[in-house]
Amino acid sequence: MTKPSSPFTKAQLLPQEETLEISKQKGDLFIGLPKEIYFQEKRICLTPDAVAAMVANGHRVLMEKGAGEEAGFSDTDYNEAGAKLTKDTKKVFECPIVLKVEPPTLEELSLMKPKSVLISALQLKTRKKEYFEALSKKKITALAFEFIKDEDHSYPAVKALSEIAGTASVLIAAELMVNAEKGNGLLFGNISGVPPIEVVVIGAGTVGQFAVRSALGLGANVKVFDSSITKLRNLQSNVGCTLYTSTIQPKNLMKALRRCDVAIGAVRGNNRSPVIVTKTMVENMKKGAVIIDVSVDMGGCFETTEMTSHDKPTRIKYDVIHYGVPNIPARYPKTASISISNIFTPYLLEIAECGGLENAIRFDNGLRNGLYFYRGILTNKAVSDWFDMSYSDINLLIF
């Protein structure tokens, strides 16, 4: 009787050497900081303090002259921090890592060297297919900072800018009630004997939470509406005081909007913000009331909102002041720049510690979540679905 033959060869049955994971090796970064050319974009990704931290760790920063001026940081500040300054935009874009707030234009992409790394916002809704085709052609590795996740699975860059937008929405409303045409001349602040300002906040996310905090801090009466009971419960405990909260029901919302002096919309959807406040509801609001639609960049949650700019921020409809500027944090460029810089700096140092972006995304799932192009290959499903482009799973490419 013959023995059954083994499915393995003799060589396969011999003990094999164990393959060990390659250890991380520290690398030096060479970062380019170009000047933002997008309309009304005044922010910059790294403050002079952040540049000093990068240089102290042995990294180089080349920046375009005047890149930080509109954010309140002079060329001298950056020079003293150790950055090299140049008037040559092309040189800055030729750096191995390019750091921007706004996504680069096609002209700016043409200046980048093949196989370099781009870290910026993606702003998917404003992109065109040519942008991704240009990244693919140059085999660029691109990281969108709004998709990067931290340890608790939240989006730190989005959260930071939402905090600014929420706080700013109340301050802008306070300003408009006094300065805008048809403003009702009311003052935020708990003045003895004067009924407090009535504020309605629609959306209990990060923007809503910081709007509520600011409005309460200025002595207003606040009512919050959201379709999620969990979000409303979290808001109650985070704010730390008793608050009027309600699910979004037209009857309750209409009643609150009729009485309010300020309405802040902060509800975001997947592809578009849901329209929660109808034209009829706006028509029934007080004369001189202020609407701040923070979600206007996704279509807005007030039916009557139109997109405006920082130069002409308001439109008056039905005697109600509408503020529809999509990029509220850019109004406070220094605060926003410090906030973005605080997020970028640890990630850049981590990338260097790991020996480059490729190794960093192997070890950091949150950072990998921000990757949407890897050496010219699309790795983000959302982009793939939006533009009907083929994509590859990043886990199959780097492991």
Protein backbone atom coordinates (compact mmCIF):
# COMPACT_ATOMS: atom_id res chain seq x y z
CA MET A 1 0.00 0.00 0.00
CA THR A 2 1.58 3.31 -1.08
CA LYS A 3 1.77 6.23 1.33
CA PRO A 4 -0.35 9.29 0.37
CA SER A 5 1.90 11.95 -1.15
CA SER A 6 2.22 15.20 0.85
CA PRO A 7 0.77 18.36 -0.75
CA PHE A 8 3.96 20.21 0.36
CA THR A 9 7.44 19.89 -1.08
CA LYS A 10 10.38 19.02 1.15
CA ALA A 11 11.63 22.62 0.91
CA GLN A 12 8.27 24.01 2.02
CA LEU A 13 8.30 21.79 5.10
CA LEU A 14 11.71 23.07 6.24
CA PRO A 15 11.70 25.81 8.92
CA GLN A 16 11.71 29.27 7.37
CA GLU A 17 13.36 32.44 8.61
CA GLU A 18 10.90 34.77 10.29
CA THR A 19 10.41 38.04 8.42
CA LEU A 20 10.47 40.94 10.81
CA GLU A 21 8.75 44.28 10.29
CA ILE A 22 11.15 46.94 9.07
CA SER A 23 11.82 49.41 11.85
CA LYS A 24 10.91 53.06 11.43
CA GLN A 25 13.78 55.27 10.35
CA LYS A 26 13.67 58.99 10.95
CA GLY A 27 13.77 61.17 7.85
CA ASP A 28 14.23 64.87 7.14
CA LEU A 29 11.39 66.78 5.52
CA PHE A 30 11.62 69.58 2.97
CA ILE A 31 8.33 71.50 3.05
CA GLY A 32 7.10 74.16 0.64
CA LEU A 33 4.62 76.79 1.88
CA PRO A 34 3.18 78.73 -1.09
CA LYS A 35 1.08 81.88 -0.89
CA GLU A 36 -2.68 81.26 -1.06
CA ILE A 37 -4.16 82.79 -4.21
CA TYR A 38 -7.78 81.67 -3.77
CA PHE A 39 -10.30 84.53 -3.39
CA GLN A 40 -10.38 85.82 0.22
CA GLU A 41 -8.23 82.97 1.56
CA LYS A 42 -5.90 84.55 4.12
CA ARG A 43 -4.91 81.53 6.22
CA ILE A 44 -1.59 79.70 6.24
CA CYS A 45 -0.81 76.12 7.34
CA LEU A 46 2.17 76.77 9.64
CA THR A 47 2.75 79.64 12.06
CA PRO A 48 6.30 80.92 12.74
CA ASP A 49 6.30 78.92 16.02
CA ALA A 50 5.44 75.74 14.10
CA VAL A 51 8.20 76.48 11.55
CA ALA A 52 10.66 76.94 14.43
CA ALA A 53 9.62 73.53 15.80
CA MET A 54 10.12 71.91 12.38
CA VAL A 55 13.54 73.53 11.89
CA ALA A 56 14.62 72.54 15.44
CA ASN A 57 13.88 68.94 14.46
CA GLY A 58 16.22 69.17 11.47
CA HIS A 59 13.60 69.87 8.75
CA ARG A 60 13.66 72.57 6.07
CA VAL A 61 10.85 74.97 5.20
CA LEU A 62 10.85 77.04 2.00
CA MET A 63 8.07 79.59 1.80
CA GLU A 64 6.89 82.18 -0.65
CA LYS A 65 7.43 85.77 0.46
CA GLY A 66 4.30 87.35 1.93
CA ALA A 67 2.55 83.98 2.39
CA GLY A 68 1.73 84.69 6.04
CA GLU A 69 1.12 88.44 5.89
CA GLU A 70 -2.69 88.31 5.63
CA ALA A 71 -2.79 85.95 8.61
CA GLY A 72 -0.81 88.48 10.67
CA PHE A 73 2.65 86.86 10.39
CA SER A 74 5.46 88.81 8.71
CA ASP A 75 8.31 87.47 6.56
CA THR A 76 10.66 88.56 9.36
CA ASP A 77 8.79 86.30 11.82
CA TYR A 78 9.29 83.33 9.51
CA ASN A 79 12.88 84.24 8.72
CA GLU A 80 13.72 84.37 12.43
CA ALA A 81 11.96 81.01 12.90
CA GLY A 82 14.39 79.45 10.39
CA ALA A 83 12.35 79.33 7.17
CA LYS A 84 13.97 80.19 3.84
CA LEU A 85 12.00 82.77 1.85
CA THR A 86 11.76 83.17 -1.90
CA LYS A 87 9.77 85.18 -4.46
CA ASP A 88 9.91 82.22 -6.86
CA THR A 89 6.56 80.40 -6.63
CA LYS A 90 7.87 77.57 -8.84
CA LYS A 91 10.68 76.79 -6.37
CA VAL A 92 8.17 76.45 -3.52
CA PHE A 93 5.97 74.05 -5.49
CA GLU A 94 9.04 71.98 -6.43
CA CYS A 95 9.57 70.98 -2.76
CA PRO A 96 9.05 67.25 -2.00
CA ILE A 97 6.14 68.17 0.35
CA VAL A 98 3.76 71.03 -0.49
CA LEU A 99 1.51 72.32 2.29
CA LYS A 100 -1.58 74.40 1.43
CA VAL A 101 -4.93 75.41 2.93
CA GLU A 102 -6.91 75.51 -0.34
CA PRO A 103 -6.43 72.77 -2.97
CA PRO A 104 -3.94 73.88 -5.65
CA THR A 105 -5.16 75.13 -9.03
CA LEU A 106 -4.26 73.21 -12.20
CA GLU A 107 -1.56 75.85 -12.91
CA GLU A 108 -0.09 75.28 -9.44
CA LEU A 109 -0.22 71.50 -9.89
CA SER A 110 1.75 71.86 -13.14
CA LEU A 111 4.61 73.42 -11.10
CA MET A 112 4.85 70.40 -8.76
CA LYS A 113 7.49 67.75 -9.35
CA PRO A 114 6.39 64.18 -10.15
CA LYS A 115 6.08 61.81 -7.16
CA SER A 116 5.89 64.65 -4.61
CA VAL A 117 3.47 64.89 -1.66
CA LEU A 118 0.57 67.34 -1.45
CA ILE A 119 -1.16 68.09 1.87
CA SER A 120 -4.16 70.44 1.62
CA ALA A 121 -7.93 70.52 1.85
CA LEU A 122 -9.73 68.51 -0.83
CA GLN A 123 -13.11 70.31 -0.93
CA LEU A 124 -14.62 67.52 -3.01
CA LYS A 125 -17.75 69.45 -4.03
CA THR A 126 -15.69 72.15 -5.78
CA ARG A 127 -13.25 69.81 -7.59
CA LYS A 128 -13.35 68.86 -11.26
CA LYS A 129 -12.18 65.62 -12.85
CA GLU A 130 -9.16 67.38 -14.46
CA TYR A 131 -7.75 68.02 -10.97
CA PHE A 132 -7.55 64.28 -10.24
CA GLU A 133 -6.27 63.52 -13.73
CA ALA A 134 -3.41 66.01 -13.13
CA LEU A 135 -2.55 64.31 -9.79
CA SER A 136 -2.55 60.92 -11.51
CA LYS A 137 -0.35 62.09 -14.37
CA LYS A 138 2.31 63.41 -11.97
CA LYS A 139 2.06 60.31 -9.70
CA ILE A 140 1.41 62.59 -6.72
CA THR A 141 0.58 61.33 -3.23
CA ALA A 142 -2.16 63.58 -1.86
CA LEU A 143 -3.57 63.91 1.64
CA ALA A 144 -6.78 65.82 2.48
CA PHE A 145 -6.58 67.28 5.98
CA GLU A 146 -10.38 67.32 6.43
CA PHE A 147 -10.41 63.49 6.14
CA ILE A 148 -7.66 62.83 8.72
CA LYS A 149 -8.99 61.12 11.86
CA ASP A 150 -7.53 61.20 15.38
CA GLU A 151 -7.54 58.55 18.14
CA ASP A 152 -11.21 59.05 19.03
CA HIS A 153 -12.23 58.73 15.33
CA SER A 154 -13.22 62.39 15.00
CA TYR A 155 -11.86 64.75 12.33
CA PRO A 156 -9.54 67.21 14.13
CA ALA A 157 -9.22 69.77 11.30
CA VAL A 158 -12.97 69.88 10.66
CA LYS A 159 -13.64 70.09 14.40
CA ALA A 160 -11.19 72.97 14.92
CA LEU A 161 -12.64 75.01 12.06
CA SER A 162 -16.18 74.19 13.21
CA GLU A 163 -15.35 75.56 16.67
CA ILE A 164 -14.25 78.83 15.05
CA ALA A 165 -17.33 78.95 12.78
CA GLY A 166 -19.69 78.31 15.72
CA THR A 167 -18.17 80.98 17.94
CA ALA A 168 -17.87 83.44 15.04
CA SER A 169 -21.51 82.99 13.97
CA VAL A 170 -22.71 84.57 17.24
CA LEU A 171 -20.15 87.40 17.07
CA ILE A 172 -21.11 88.15 13.45
CA ALA A 173 -24.81 88.20 14.40
CA ALA A 174 -24.07 90.64 17.25
CA GLU A 175 -22.28 92.88 14.76
CA LEU A 176 -25.02 92.69 12.10
CA MET A 177 -27.82 93.59 14.51
CA VAL A 178 -26.14 96.96 14.97
CA ASN A 179 -24.27 97.64 11.72
CA ALA A 180 -26.32 96.03 8.95
CA GLU A 181 -28.92 97.94 6.97
CA LYS A 182 -32.31 97.27 8.65
CA GLY A 183 -30.51 95.91 11.75
CA ASN A 184 -32.71 96.16 14.84
CA GLY A 185 -30.08 97.81 17.08
CA LEU A 186 -30.16 95.12 19.79
CA LEU A 187 -27.20 94.34 22.02
CA PHE A 188 -26.16 90.86 23.12
CA GLY A 189 -25.66 90.96 26.87
CA ASN A 190 -27.78 90.42 29.93
CA ILE A 191 -28.75 94.04 30.59
CA SER A 192 -30.87 94.56 33.73
CA GLY A 193 -34.51 95.15 32.91
CA VAL A 194 -34.05 94.44 29.19
CA PRO A 195 -35.37 91.14 27.73
CA PRO A 196 -32.42 89.03 26.52
CA ILE A 197 -31.71 88.30 22.84
CA GLU A 198 -33.51 85.16 21.60
CA VAL A 199 -31.25 82.81 19.62
CA VAL A 200 -32.30 79.66 17.72
CA VAL A 201 -29.53 77.19 16.81
CA ILE A 202 -30.40 74.46 14.30
CA GLY A 203 -27.91 71.60 14.57
CA ALA A 204 -26.27 70.28 17.75
CA GLY A 205 -22.89 69.30 16.28
CA THR A 206 -19.57 71.07 16.94
CA VAL A 207 -20.67 74.31 15.19
CA GLY A 208 -23.97 74.32 17.11
CA GLN A 209 -22.27 73.59 20.43
CA PHE A 210 -19.81 76.49 20.12
CA ALA A 211 -22.55 78.83 18.89
CA VAL A 212 -24.62 77.89 21.97
CA ARG A 213 -21.67 78.45 24.32
CA SER A 214 -20.93 81.88 22.85
CA ALA A 215 -24.59 82.97 22.86
CA LEU A 216 -25.06 81.85 26.49
CA GLY A 217 -21.81 83.60 27.43
CA LEU A 218 -23.23 86.82 26.01
CA GLY A 219 -26.43 86.43 28.04
CA ALA A 220 -28.83 85.24 25.33
CA ASN A 221 -31.80 82.88 25.64
CA VAL A 222 -30.96 79.88 23.44
CA LYS A 223 -33.12 77.19 21.84
CA VAL A 224 -31.46 74.26 20.07
CA PHE A 225 -33.04 72.00 17.46
CA ASP A 226 -31.62 68.75 16.07
CA SER A 227 -33.06 65.50 14.76
CA SER A 228 -30.64 63.47 16.94
CA ILE A 229 -31.59 63.03 20.61
CA THR A 230 -28.03 61.79 21.32
CA LYS A 231 -26.51 65.02 19.97
CA LEU A 232 -28.95 67.12 22.01
CA ARG A 233 -28.14 65.09 25.14
CA ASN A 234 -24.37 65.48 24.57
CA LEU A 235 -24.83 69.21 24.03
CA GLN A 236 -26.75 69.55 27.31
CA SER A 237 -24.00 67.81 29.27
CA ASN A 238 -21.14 69.65 27.46
CA VAL A 239 -22.66 73.10 27.96
CA GLY A 240 -23.34 72.29 31.60
CA CYS A 241 -26.59 74.21 32.06
CA THR A 242 -30.29 73.68 31.45
CA LEU A 243 -31.15 74.46 27.86
CA TYR A 244 -34.27 74.41 25.68
CA THR A 245 -33.73 71.50 23.26
CA SER A 246 -36.14 70.03 20.73
CA THR A 247 -36.20 67.62 17.84
CA ILE A 248 -36.87 69.29 14.49
CA GLN A 249 -40.65 69.58 14.35
CA PRO A 250 -42.05 72.31 12.05
CA LYS A 251 -44.60 73.56 14.59
CA ASN A 252 -42.07 74.05 17.45
CA LEU A 253 -39.43 75.42 15.07
CA MET A 254 -41.85 77.91 13.52
CA LYS A 255 -42.86 79.16 16.98
CA ALA A 256 -39.21 79.64 18.02
CA LEU A 257 -38.25 81.36 14.75
CA ARG A 258 -41.15 83.83 15.06
CA ARG A 259 -39.80 85.03 18.41
CA CYS A 260 -36.04 84.88 17.77
CA ASP A 261 -33.65 87.74 16.96
CA VAL A 262 -30.90 85.44 15.60
CA ALA A 263 -31.18 82.07 13.81
CA ILE A 264 -28.03 80.00 13.19
CA GLY A 265 -28.12 77.07 10.76
CA ALA A 266 -25.48 74.39 11.29
CA VAL A 267 -26.89 71.20 9.79
CA ARG A 268 -24.85 69.25 7.25
CA GLY A 269 -25.99 66.37 5.04
CA ASN A 270 -24.03 63.82 3.01
CA ASN A 271 -24.22 65.53 -0.36
CA ARG A 272 -26.30 68.56 0.53
CA SER A 273 -27.60 70.23 3.68
CA PRO A 274 -31.27 69.45 4.24
CA VAL A 275 -33.54 72.51 3.87
CA ILE A 276 -35.06 72.81 7.35
CA VAL A 277 -36.31 76.42 7.38
CA THR A 278 -38.75 77.13 4.55
CA LYS A 279 -39.46 80.44 2.83
CA THR A 280 -42.78 80.69 4.73
CA MET A 281 -40.96 80.34 8.07
CA VAL A 282 -38.55 83.14 7.10
CA GLU A 283 -41.45 85.39 6.03
CA ASN A 284 -42.89 85.00 9.54
CA MET A 285 -39.68 86.05 11.31
CA LYS A 286 -39.23 89.44 13.00
CA LYS A 287 -38.13 92.44 10.92
CA GLY A 288 -34.39 92.96 11.35
CA ALA A 289 -33.79 89.37 12.58
CA VAL A 290 -30.45 87.85 11.53
CA ILE A 291 -29.90 84.48 9.81
CA ILE A 292 -26.37 83.02 9.83
CA ASP A 293 -26.33 79.95 7.56
CA VAL A 294 -23.04 78.21 8.43
CA SER A 295 -23.86 75.25 6.14
CA VAL A 296 -24.25 77.47 3.04
CA ASP A 297 -21.21 75.76 1.44
CA MET A 298 -23.37 72.61 1.22
CA GLY A 299 -26.46 74.40 -0.07
CA GLY A 300 -27.66 75.86 3.24
CA CYS A 301 -30.44 74.77 5.60
CA PHE A 302 -32.50 77.96 5.07
CA GLU A 303 -34.44 77.94 1.80
CA THR A 304 -33.89 81.69 1.32
CA THR A 305 -30.09 81.72 1.81
CA GLU A 306 -27.81 82.75 -1.05
CA MET A 307 -24.04 82.43 -1.03
CA THR A 308 -22.28 85.75 -0.36
CA SER A 309 -18.66 86.90 0.13
CA HIS A 310 -16.70 88.58 2.93
CA ASP A 311 -16.84 91.86 0.94
CA LYS A 312 -20.66 91.86 0.66
CA PRO A 313 -21.70 89.37 3.32
CA THR A 314 -25.45 90.05 3.64
CA ARG A 315 -28.64 90.00 1.61
CA ILE A 316 -31.99 91.25 2.92
CA LYS A 317 -35.04 89.14 2.11
CA TYR A 318 -38.48 89.57 3.68
CA ASP A 319 -36.89 92.21 5.98
CA VAL A 320 -34.61 89.50 7.44
CA ILE A 321 -30.81 89.89 7.22
CA HIS A 322 -29.21 86.79 5.61
CA TYR A 323 -25.48 86.09 6.09
CA GLY A 324 -24.30 83.44 3.61
CA VAL A 325 -20.48 83.52 3.57
CA PRO A 326 -19.25 79.94 3.06
CA ASN A 327 -15.79 80.26 4.62
CA ILE A 328 -16.40 81.88 8.03
CA PRO A 329 -13.01 80.85 9.60
CA ALA A 330 -11.16 82.82 6.87
CA ARG A 331 -12.64 85.98 8.45
CA TYR A 332 -10.39 85.27 11.45
CA PRO A 333 -7.21 84.23 9.59
CA LYS A 334 -4.78 84.42 12.53
CA THR A 335 -6.91 82.29 14.88
CA ALA A 336 -7.69 79.82 12.07
CA SER A 337 -4.01 79.60 11.05
CA ILE A 338 -2.90 78.87 14.64
CA SER A 339 -5.62 76.23 14.91
CA ILE A 340 -4.67 74.51 11.61
CA SER A 341 -0.97 74.76 12.47
CA ASN A 342 -1.54 73.03 15.82
CA ILE A 343 -3.04 70.08 13.93
CA PHE A 344 -0.46 69.94 11.12
CA THR A 345 2.72 70.18 13.21
CA PRO A 346 2.37 66.89 15.19
CA TYR A 347 1.42 65.03 11.99
CA LEU A 348 4.45 66.40 10.11
CA LEU A 349 6.75 65.44 12.98
CA GLU A 350 5.15 61.98 13.02
CA ILE A 351 5.69 61.61 9.24
CA ALA A 352 9.36 62.52 9.74
CA GLU A 353 9.71 60.15 12.72
CA CYS A 354 8.39 57.29 10.59
CA GLY A 355 10.78 58.07 7.74
CA GLY A 356 8.26 59.57 5.33
CA LEU A 357 4.55 59.59 4.55
CA GLU A 358 4.56 56.05 3.17
CA ASN A 359 5.65 54.54 6.48
CA ALA A 360 3.50 56.93 8.52
CA ILE A 361 0.30 55.80 6.79
CA ARG A 362 1.27 52.18 7.48
CA PHE A 363 1.37 52.83 11.21
CA ASP A 364 -1.39 55.48 11.57
CA ASN A 365 -4.92 54.54 10.45
CA GLY A 366 -6.23 58.07 11.02
CA LEU A 367 -3.59 59.57 8.74
CA ARG A 368 -4.26 56.86 6.14
CA ASN A 369 -7.92 57.92 6.15
CA GLY A 370 -6.84 61.33 4.79
CA LEU A 371 -5.03 59.80 1.80
CA TYR A 372 -6.95 60.11 -1.46
CA PHE A 373 -4.10 59.67 -3.98
CA TYR A 374 -1.11 57.36 -3.62
CA ARG A 375 1.61 57.69 -6.25
CA GLY A 376 -0.96 58.72 -8.82
CA ILE A 377 -3.50 56.01 -7.89
CA LEU A 378 -6.89 57.11 -6.57
CA THR A 379 -7.51 55.52 -3.14
CA ASN A 380 -10.68 57.30 -1.97
CA LYS A 381 -14.10 55.74 -2.60
CA ALA A 382 -16.00 59.02 -2.16
CA VAL A 383 -13.97 60.65 -4.96
CA SER A 384 -14.38 57.50 -7.06
CA ASP A 385 -18.17 57.55 -6.68
CA TRP A 386 -18.46 61.31 -7.22
CA PHE A 387 -16.46 61.36 -10.46
CA ASP A 388 -17.04 57.80 -11.65
CA MET A 389 -13.31 56.97 -11.53
CA SER A 390 -11.71 53.64 -10.69
CA TYR A 391 -9.93 53.41 -7.36
CA SER A 392 -7.71 50.96 -5.44
CA ASP A 393 -7.83 50.06 -1.76
CA ILE A 394 -4.82 51.69 -0.06
CA ASN A 395 -4.34 48.60 2.16
CA LEU A 396 -3.57 46.53 -0.96
CA LEU A 397 -1.01 49.08 -2.15
CA ILE A 398 1.09 49.65 0.96
CA PHE A 399 1.13 46.33 2.82
